[in-house]
Amino acid sequence: MDHKKRSTTSTPRGPKPKLGVPHVHSVKKVLASGEVATFYYHRHTRKPLPGPYGSPQFWEALQAASASIARKDRGAPTTLEGLLDEFQNTSRWRDKLADSTKKEYLRVFNFWRGTFGSLPISLLAAKAFRADVLRWHDEFSADHPREADNRVTILARVLAWAAADRNLTANVLAGFERAYSSDRSEKIWLPEHIKAFMAVASPEMQLAMMLALHTGQRQADIRAMAWSNYDGRFITIRQGKSAREGQAARQVIIPCTKALKATLDAAPRHGALMLTTKTGLGFQKRYFAECWDEVVAKTEVTGLHFHDIRGTTITMLFEAGCSVAEAASITGHTLRYAQTILDKYLARTSVLAEAAILKFEARLDAGADDDVDVDAKIEAEAGAEIGG
């Protein structure tokens, strides 16, 4: 049941003849007499279509095969394409997926429509279907492992829904083996990375770094932070990811560090949001990523993403006296993942919180005096903090 056209013959392979009838495939076989014969079958049902191509017997068999997969219940989908369409009318789609996630799903849906869209639901539960999908996954993942995993994962989620709530008998893609794996618990921004970033960043990206480093929140939540969330001591937000997953938006109250408070109190307010573009508008996801990447490209920082800052925050909170549970309650990490970060990198970042805060405070203190050597001041104060 391969989605690619194949020919099983002992004769040299040549281009397959283009058939004018959809869903009809041909197979060439060498008979005992040595003659090469062509056999036809209906792709979806695998039923043979006897007689010469285009003969009355052929058309009768084709009509019967097509009728066998016709929709028996007009209220229920009978093909993969129908399932993909119906999934978009569910509460899972409407209430639990962010708009950006829906856009990504639709992109992947279009791929599966073109590959297996007309396949009957009865065949979606077959091992042969699983074999076809995983064969594609194995081939495509050689060059694009993350994208291969992404496409199969999204399809598997639709099949899981159909198996639970519709007439699909089983989700044969459950537990497929992924091609890509990444443990980013070891990826955190160290003081030298932060220093390099801040040295070349625009005021907007400097503020973004401050908010990310001192709150540990996801990029979407940081872009949505409003000045009304800040009362001079605390930043109170509702984390958007929990709301997108169908749960009540989780409220988090984040005490501001001295450095973050000083930065926010001194920052210009161009609108309702803390982070705005030079024109006073809120950052869209793509534009924010472009601006962030432009700054990183000017430094020698490699292999670090924006969301890796959250691991740094976990470490800073722990060094400031928070328990793992307290730190994770602010950033939104699981206890297990937060502990993994600490186990791997706490020793390497023993002065991270002090160095980061000294960096920011020194820059603020030097704002009124252009003659101050900020880096020398940071090194001197950091040395005093460590030595004391």
Protein backbone atom coordinates (compact mmCIF):
# COMPACT_ATOMS: atom_id res chain seq x y z
CA MET A 1 0.00 0.00 0.00
CA ASP A 2 2.82 2.31 -0.81
CA HIS A 3 1.87 5.82 -1.78
CA LYS A 4 4.51 5.71 -4.49
CA LYS A 5 3.79 3.94 -7.78
CA ARG A 6 5.63 0.65 -8.00
CA SER A 7 6.02 -2.15 -10.49
CA THR A 8 6.77 -5.73 -9.53
CA THR A 9 8.40 -7.34 -12.53
CA SER A 10 11.56 -9.15 -13.39
CA THR A 11 11.87 -7.16 -16.61
CA PRO A 12 13.94 -3.96 -16.78
CA ARG A 13 11.98 -1.06 -15.32
CA GLY A 14 10.88 1.72 -17.61
CA PRO A 15 8.48 4.63 -17.26
CA LYS A 16 5.03 3.49 -16.16
CA PRO A 17 2.20 4.24 -18.58
CA LYS A 18 0.02 7.15 -17.50
CA LEU A 19 -3.50 5.89 -16.91
CA GLY A 20 -6.40 8.19 -17.54
CA VAL A 21 -8.52 6.73 -14.74
CA PRO A 22 -7.76 7.89 -11.18
CA HIS A 23 -6.97 5.36 -8.44
CA VAL A 24 -6.04 2.65 -10.96
CA HIS A 25 -2.56 1.17 -10.78
CA SER A 26 -0.88 -1.33 -13.05
CA VAL A 27 1.55 -4.16 -12.34
CA LYS A 28 3.61 -5.99 -14.94
CA LYS A 29 4.39 -9.66 -14.37
CA VAL A 30 6.25 -12.25 -16.38
CA LEU A 31 4.09 -15.30 -17.02
CA ALA A 32 5.34 -18.87 -17.15
CA SER A 33 5.32 -18.62 -20.94
CA GLY A 34 7.73 -15.72 -20.78
CA GLU A 35 5.08 -13.25 -21.90
CA VAL A 36 4.85 -9.95 -19.99
CA ALA A 37 1.27 -9.28 -18.88
CA THR A 38 -0.17 -6.14 -17.32
CA PHE A 39 -2.63 -6.42 -14.45
CA TYR A 40 -4.72 -3.58 -13.06
CA TYR A 41 -6.06 -3.01 -9.57
CA HIS A 42 -7.96 -0.40 -7.61
CA ARG A 43 -5.50 1.44 -5.40
CA HIS A 44 -7.67 2.01 -2.32
CA THR A 45 -9.33 -1.38 -2.06
CA ARG A 46 -6.57 -3.44 -3.69
CA LYS A 47 -9.26 -5.21 -5.68
CA PRO A 48 -8.14 -6.57 -9.06
CA LEU A 49 -9.69 -5.10 -12.19
CA PRO A 50 -9.95 -8.02 -14.63
CA GLY A 51 -10.11 -7.86 -18.39
CA PRO A 52 -8.22 -5.62 -20.79
CA TYR A 53 -7.83 -1.99 -19.73
CA GLY A 54 -11.02 -0.09 -20.64
CA SER A 55 -13.09 -3.20 -21.40
CA PRO A 56 -16.68 -3.55 -20.07
CA GLN A 57 -15.44 -6.10 -17.54
CA PHE A 58 -12.77 -3.63 -16.39
CA TRP A 59 -15.27 -0.78 -15.96
CA GLU A 60 -17.73 -3.00 -14.10
CA ALA A 61 -15.06 -4.07 -11.61
CA LEU A 62 -13.84 -0.48 -11.19
CA GLN A 63 -17.37 0.75 -10.46
CA ALA A 64 -17.86 -1.99 -7.88
CA ALA A 65 -14.56 -1.18 -6.19
CA SER A 66 -15.37 2.52 -6.06
CA ALA A 67 -18.83 1.83 -4.68
CA SER A 68 -17.35 -0.29 -1.90
CA ILE A 69 -15.63 2.74 -0.43
CA ALA A 70 -18.46 5.19 -1.02
CA ARG A 71 -19.70 7.01 2.03
CA LYS A 72 -22.21 4.88 3.91
CA ASP A 73 -23.00 7.52 6.48
CA ARG A 74 -23.20 11.02 5.07
CA GLY A 75 -22.71 12.48 8.57
CA ALA A 76 -19.27 10.89 9.08
CA PRO A 77 -16.03 11.23 7.13
CA THR A 78 -14.89 8.19 5.19
CA THR A 79 -11.42 9.30 4.08
CA LEU A 80 -8.35 10.85 5.66
CA GLU A 81 -9.21 14.14 3.98
CA GLY A 82 -12.63 14.03 5.61
CA LEU A 83 -11.05 13.42 9.01
CA LEU A 84 -8.71 16.38 8.57
CA ASP A 85 -11.69 18.58 7.67
CA GLU A 86 -13.79 17.40 10.59
CA PHE A 87 -10.95 17.79 13.08
CA GLN A 88 -11.05 21.52 12.34
CA ASN A 89 -14.63 21.64 13.63
CA THR A 90 -13.82 20.16 17.04
CA SER A 91 -13.36 21.87 20.38
CA ARG A 92 -9.79 20.60 20.42
CA TRP A 93 -9.07 22.71 17.36
CA ARG A 94 -11.16 25.69 18.43
CA ASP A 95 -10.23 25.97 22.09
CA LYS A 96 -6.89 24.23 22.62
CA LEU A 97 -4.73 25.32 19.71
CA ALA A 98 -3.15 28.75 19.31
CA ASP A 99 -3.60 30.52 15.98
CA SER A 100 0.05 29.92 15.14
CA THR A 101 -0.39 26.20 15.87
CA LYS A 102 -3.48 26.04 13.69
CA LYS A 103 -1.54 27.62 10.85
CA GLU A 104 1.17 25.00 11.19
CA TYR A 105 -1.39 22.17 11.31
CA LEU A 106 -3.02 23.43 8.11
CA ARG A 107 0.34 23.46 6.36
CA VAL A 108 0.96 19.85 7.35
CA PHE A 109 -2.64 18.86 6.57
CA ASN A 110 -2.10 20.00 2.99
CA PHE A 111 0.83 17.63 2.68
CA TRP A 112 -1.13 14.64 3.96
CA ARG A 113 -4.11 15.51 1.75
CA GLY A 114 -1.89 15.27 -1.28
CA THR A 115 -0.31 12.03 -0.10
CA PHE A 116 -3.09 9.95 1.46
CA GLY A 117 -6.12 12.27 1.36
CA SER A 118 -8.47 9.91 -0.51
CA LEU A 119 -7.53 6.83 1.52
CA PRO A 120 -10.61 5.25 3.18
CA ILE A 121 -10.79 5.30 6.96
CA SER A 122 -10.86 1.50 7.05
CA LEU A 123 -7.36 1.43 5.61
CA LEU A 124 -5.97 4.05 8.02
CA ALA A 125 -5.98 1.39 10.73
CA ALA A 126 -4.01 -1.10 8.63
CA LYS A 127 -0.40 -1.99 9.32
CA ALA A 128 0.31 -1.35 5.66
CA PHE A 129 -0.67 2.29 6.14
CA ARG A 130 1.69 2.58 9.09
CA ALA A 131 4.41 1.00 6.98
CA ASP A 132 3.85 3.50 4.17
CA VAL A 133 3.96 6.50 6.50
CA LEU A 134 7.05 5.29 8.32
CA ARG A 135 8.76 4.48 5.03
CA TRP A 136 8.22 8.08 3.97
CA HIS A 137 9.40 9.23 7.40
CA ASP A 138 12.61 7.20 7.15
CA GLU A 139 13.42 8.65 3.74
CA PHE A 140 12.54 12.27 4.47
CA SER A 141 14.19 12.33 7.90
CA ALA A 142 17.58 11.65 6.37
CA ASP A 143 17.78 15.35 5.49
CA HIS A 144 14.92 16.86 7.52
CA PRO A 145 14.51 14.91 10.80
CA ARG A 146 12.58 17.57 12.71
CA GLU A 147 10.17 18.26 9.86
CA ALA A 148 9.62 14.54 9.30
CA ASP A 149 8.80 14.10 13.00
CA ASN A 150 6.54 17.14 12.94
CA ARG A 151 4.42 15.92 10.03
CA VAL A 152 3.95 12.42 11.42
CA THR A 153 3.26 13.76 14.92
CA ILE A 154 0.46 16.00 13.68
CA LEU A 155 -1.06 13.17 11.64
CA ALA A 156 -0.82 10.85 14.65
CA ARG A 157 -2.70 13.40 16.78
CA VAL A 158 -5.54 13.51 14.29
CA LEU A 159 -5.66 9.71 14.17
CA ALA A 160 -5.67 9.54 17.98
CA TRP A 161 -8.70 11.85 18.03
CA ALA A 162 -10.43 9.81 15.31
CA ALA A 163 -9.75 6.55 17.18
CA ALA A 164 -11.19 7.98 20.39
CA ASP A 165 -14.13 9.99 19.08
CA ARG A 166 -14.86 8.82 15.53
CA ASN A 167 -15.05 5.57 13.59
CA LEU A 168 -11.33 4.83 13.26
CA THR A 169 -10.58 1.48 14.90
CA ALA A 170 -6.97 2.22 15.87
CA ASN A 171 -4.22 4.81 15.73
CA VAL A 172 -1.44 2.84 14.05
CA LEU A 173 1.00 5.76 14.36
CA ALA A 174 0.92 5.81 18.15
CA GLY A 175 4.42 5.55 19.56
CA PHE A 176 6.30 5.94 16.30
CA GLU A 177 10.05 6.35 16.73
CA ARG A 178 11.21 9.91 16.21
CA ALA A 179 14.26 10.73 14.13
CA TYR A 180 15.22 13.87 16.02
CA SER A 181 16.08 14.22 19.67
CA SER A 182 17.45 17.17 21.56
CA ASP A 183 18.15 17.73 25.21
CA ARG A 184 18.44 21.47 25.65
CA SER A 185 18.76 21.29 29.43
CA GLU A 186 22.48 21.80 28.88
CA LYS A 187 21.90 24.95 26.84
CA ILE A 188 21.94 28.06 28.99
CA TRP A 189 23.19 31.60 28.52
CA LEU A 190 26.33 32.18 30.54
CA PRO A 191 27.51 35.64 31.72
CA GLU A 192 29.83 36.06 28.76
CA HIS A 193 26.99 35.35 26.34
CA ILE A 194 24.74 37.91 28.00
CA LYS A 195 27.52 40.49 28.08
CA ALA A 196 28.22 40.03 24.37
CA PHE A 197 24.53 40.30 23.51
CA MET A 198 23.91 43.43 25.57
CA ALA A 199 26.96 45.15 24.09
CA VAL A 200 25.49 45.22 20.57
CA ALA A 201 21.73 45.02 21.20
CA SER A 202 19.23 47.79 20.53
CA PRO A 203 17.34 49.21 23.53
CA GLU A 204 14.32 47.08 22.56
CA MET A 205 16.34 43.85 22.53
CA GLN A 206 18.18 44.81 25.72
CA LEU A 207 14.83 45.14 27.46
CA ALA A 208 13.75 41.81 25.99
CA MET A 209 16.86 40.17 27.43
CA MET A 210 16.19 41.75 30.82
CA LEU A 211 12.60 40.55 30.92
CA ALA A 212 13.53 37.06 29.75
CA LEU A 213 16.47 36.69 32.10
CA HIS A 214 14.75 38.03 35.21
CA THR A 215 11.29 36.49 34.75
CA GLY A 216 11.98 33.19 32.99
CA GLN A 217 8.87 33.49 30.84
CA ARG A 218 8.26 32.26 27.31
CA GLN A 219 8.72 34.63 24.42
CA ALA A 220 4.97 34.90 23.74
CA ASP A 221 4.28 35.89 27.35
CA ILE A 222 7.09 38.44 27.35
CA ARG A 223 5.83 40.04 24.14
CA ALA A 224 2.39 40.28 25.75
CA MET A 225 3.57 41.88 29.02
CA ALA A 226 1.82 45.20 29.58
CA TRP A 227 2.80 48.06 31.85
CA SER A 228 -0.41 47.40 33.74
CA ASN A 229 1.11 44.04 34.78
CA TYR A 230 3.85 45.89 36.69
CA ASP A 231 3.09 47.56 40.04
CA GLY A 232 6.61 48.71 40.89
CA ARG A 233 7.51 45.51 42.74
CA PHE A 234 5.90 42.61 40.97
CA ILE A 235 4.97 41.55 37.45
CA THR A 236 1.70 39.62 37.43
CA ILE A 237 0.76 37.74 34.27
CA ARG A 238 -1.32 34.80 33.11
CA GLN A 239 0.81 32.33 31.18
CA GLY A 240 -0.63 31.90 27.72
CA LYS A 241 0.50 28.32 27.05
CA SER A 242 -1.74 26.80 29.73
CA ALA A 243 -4.72 28.68 28.29
CA ARG A 244 -3.95 27.41 24.79
CA GLU A 245 -3.91 23.85 26.13
CA GLY A 246 -7.49 24.19 27.33
CA GLN A 247 -6.68 24.89 30.98
CA ALA A 248 -7.41 28.03 32.91
CA ALA A 249 -4.67 30.56 32.23
CA ARG A 250 -2.21 30.19 35.09
CA GLN A 251 -1.48 33.38 37.03
CA VAL A 252 2.13 33.94 37.99
CA ILE A 253 3.35 36.69 40.33
CA ILE A 254 7.03 37.45 39.71
CA PRO A 255 8.97 39.58 42.19
CA CYS A 256 11.26 41.98 40.33
CA THR A 257 14.96 41.87 40.97
CA LYS A 258 16.65 45.17 41.78
CA ALA A 259 18.10 45.29 38.29
CA LEU A 260 14.79 44.58 36.55
CA LYS A 261 12.95 47.14 38.66
CA ALA A 262 15.54 49.81 37.87
CA THR A 263 15.36 48.98 34.17
CA LEU A 264 11.57 49.09 34.03
CA ASP A 265 11.34 52.29 36.05
CA ALA A 266 13.77 54.00 33.67
CA ALA A 267 12.38 52.55 30.44
CA PRO A 268 10.35 54.82 28.15
CA ARG A 269 6.71 53.85 27.73
CA HIS A 270 5.62 54.04 24.11
CA GLY A 271 2.36 52.18 24.52
CA ALA A 272 0.44 49.68 26.62
CA LEU A 273 3.05 46.96 26.12
CA MET A 274 6.50 46.89 27.67
CA LEU A 275 8.17 45.61 24.51
CA THR A 276 7.45 47.69 21.44
CA THR A 277 9.12 48.32 18.13
CA LYS A 278 10.70 51.66 17.28
CA THR A 279 7.31 52.70 15.93
CA GLY A 280 5.56 51.90 19.21
CA LEU A 281 3.82 48.73 18.02
CA GLY A 282 3.91 45.36 19.72
CA PHE A 283 6.35 42.79 18.34
CA GLN A 284 4.92 40.04 16.17
CA LYS A 285 6.52 36.63 16.63
CA ARG A 286 8.38 36.57 13.32
CA TYR A 287 9.67 40.16 13.55
CA PHE A 288 10.84 39.63 17.12
CA ALA A 289 12.78 36.53 16.05
CA GLU A 290 14.38 38.45 13.19
CA CYS A 291 15.48 41.28 15.48
CA TRP A 292 16.82 38.84 18.08
CA ASP A 293 18.74 36.82 15.51
CA GLU A 294 20.27 39.99 14.06
CA VAL A 295 21.76 40.82 17.44
CA VAL A 296 23.04 37.27 18.02
CA ALA A 297 24.66 37.31 14.57
CA LYS A 298 26.78 40.28 15.64
CA THR A 299 28.24 38.29 18.52
CA GLU A 300 30.21 35.07 18.77
CA VAL A 301 27.30 33.37 20.58
CA THR A 302 26.37 30.13 18.83
CA GLY A 303 23.98 27.27 19.52
CA LEU A 304 21.75 29.24 21.90
CA HIS A 305 18.10 30.14 21.39
CA PHE A 306 15.90 32.70 23.07
CA HIS A 307 14.06 30.05 25.06
CA ASP A 308 17.35 28.76 26.48
CA ILE A 309 17.37 31.86 28.69
CA ARG A 310 14.70 30.16 30.79
CA GLY A 311 17.27 27.59 31.86
CA THR A 312 19.55 30.41 32.97
CA THR A 313 16.71 31.90 35.01
CA ILE A 314 16.15 28.57 36.78
CA THR A 315 19.78 28.61 37.85
CA MET A 316 19.65 32.25 38.96
CA LEU A 317 16.52 31.69 41.05
CA PHE A 318 18.04 28.66 42.72
CA GLU A 319 21.23 30.53 43.54
CA ALA A 320 19.12 33.34 44.95
CA GLY A 321 17.66 30.90 47.50
CA CYS A 322 14.59 29.53 45.72
CA SER A 323 13.77 25.85 45.90
CA VAL A 324 13.48 23.92 42.66
CA ALA A 325 9.70 23.89 43.07
CA GLU A 326 9.59 27.66 43.64
CA ALA A 327 11.77 28.35 40.60
CA ALA A 328 9.76 26.03 38.38
CA SER A 329 6.50 27.59 39.54
CA ILE A 330 7.66 30.91 38.07
CA THR A 331 9.18 29.72 34.80
CA GLY A 332 6.66 26.98 34.07
CA HIS A 333 9.20 24.15 33.77
CA THR A 334 8.40 20.72 35.16
CA LEU A 335 10.17 19.87 38.41
CA ARG A 336 12.08 17.09 36.68
CA TYR A 337 13.34 19.31 33.86
CA ALA A 338 14.26 22.12 36.24
CA GLN A 339 16.24 19.69 38.37
CA THR A 340 18.02 18.37 35.28
CA ILE A 341 19.17 21.88 34.40
CA LEU A 342 20.52 22.43 37.89
CA ASP A 343 22.23 19.05 38.06
CA LYS A 344 24.13 19.70 34.85
CA TYR A 345 25.10 23.32 35.08
CA LEU A 346 24.85 24.76 38.56
CA ALA A 347 28.58 24.35 39.14
CA ARG A 348 29.40 26.19 35.91
CA THR A 349 27.23 29.19 36.78
CA SER A 350 28.05 29.82 40.41
CA VAL A 351 28.19 33.59 39.97
CA LEU A 352 25.65 33.95 37.17
CA ALA A 353 23.05 35.91 39.10
CA GLU A 354 25.59 38.33 40.55
CA ALA A 355 27.38 38.88 37.24
CA ALA A 356 24.18 39.46 35.31
CA ILE A 357 22.73 41.92 37.80
CA LEU A 358 26.04 43.75 38.17
CA LYS A 359 26.18 44.06 34.40
CA PHE A 360 22.78 45.69 34.14
CA GLU A 361 23.13 47.90 37.21
CA ALA A 362 26.55 49.13 36.12
CA ARG A 363 25.15 50.18 32.77
CA LEU A 364 22.29 51.99 34.47
CA ASP A 365 24.66 53.73 36.91
CA ALA A 366 26.90 54.80 34.04
CA GLY A 367 24.05 56.31 32.06
CA ALA A 368 24.70 59.83 33.34
CA ASP A 369 28.46 59.62 33.13
CA ASP A 370 29.90 58.81 29.71
CA ASP A 371 33.43 58.66 31.14
CA VAL A 372 32.73 55.63 33.29
CA ASP A 373 34.43 52.44 32.13
CA VAL A 374 31.47 50.08 32.55
CA ASP A 375 33.35 46.86 31.94
CA ALA A 376 36.08 47.78 34.43
CA LYS A 377 33.43 48.64 37.00
CA ILE A 378 31.65 45.31 36.47
CA GLU A 379 34.86 43.34 36.83
CA ALA A 380 35.82 45.20 40.00
CA GLU A 381 32.39 44.78 41.61
CA ALA A 382 32.12 41.14 40.52
CA GLY A 383 35.53 40.47 42.06
CA ALA A 384 34.48 42.12 45.29
CA GLU A 385 31.22 40.10 45.39
CA ILE A 386 33.01 36.82 44.81
CA GLY A 387 35.81 37.60 47.19
CA GLY A 388 33.45 38.84 49.91
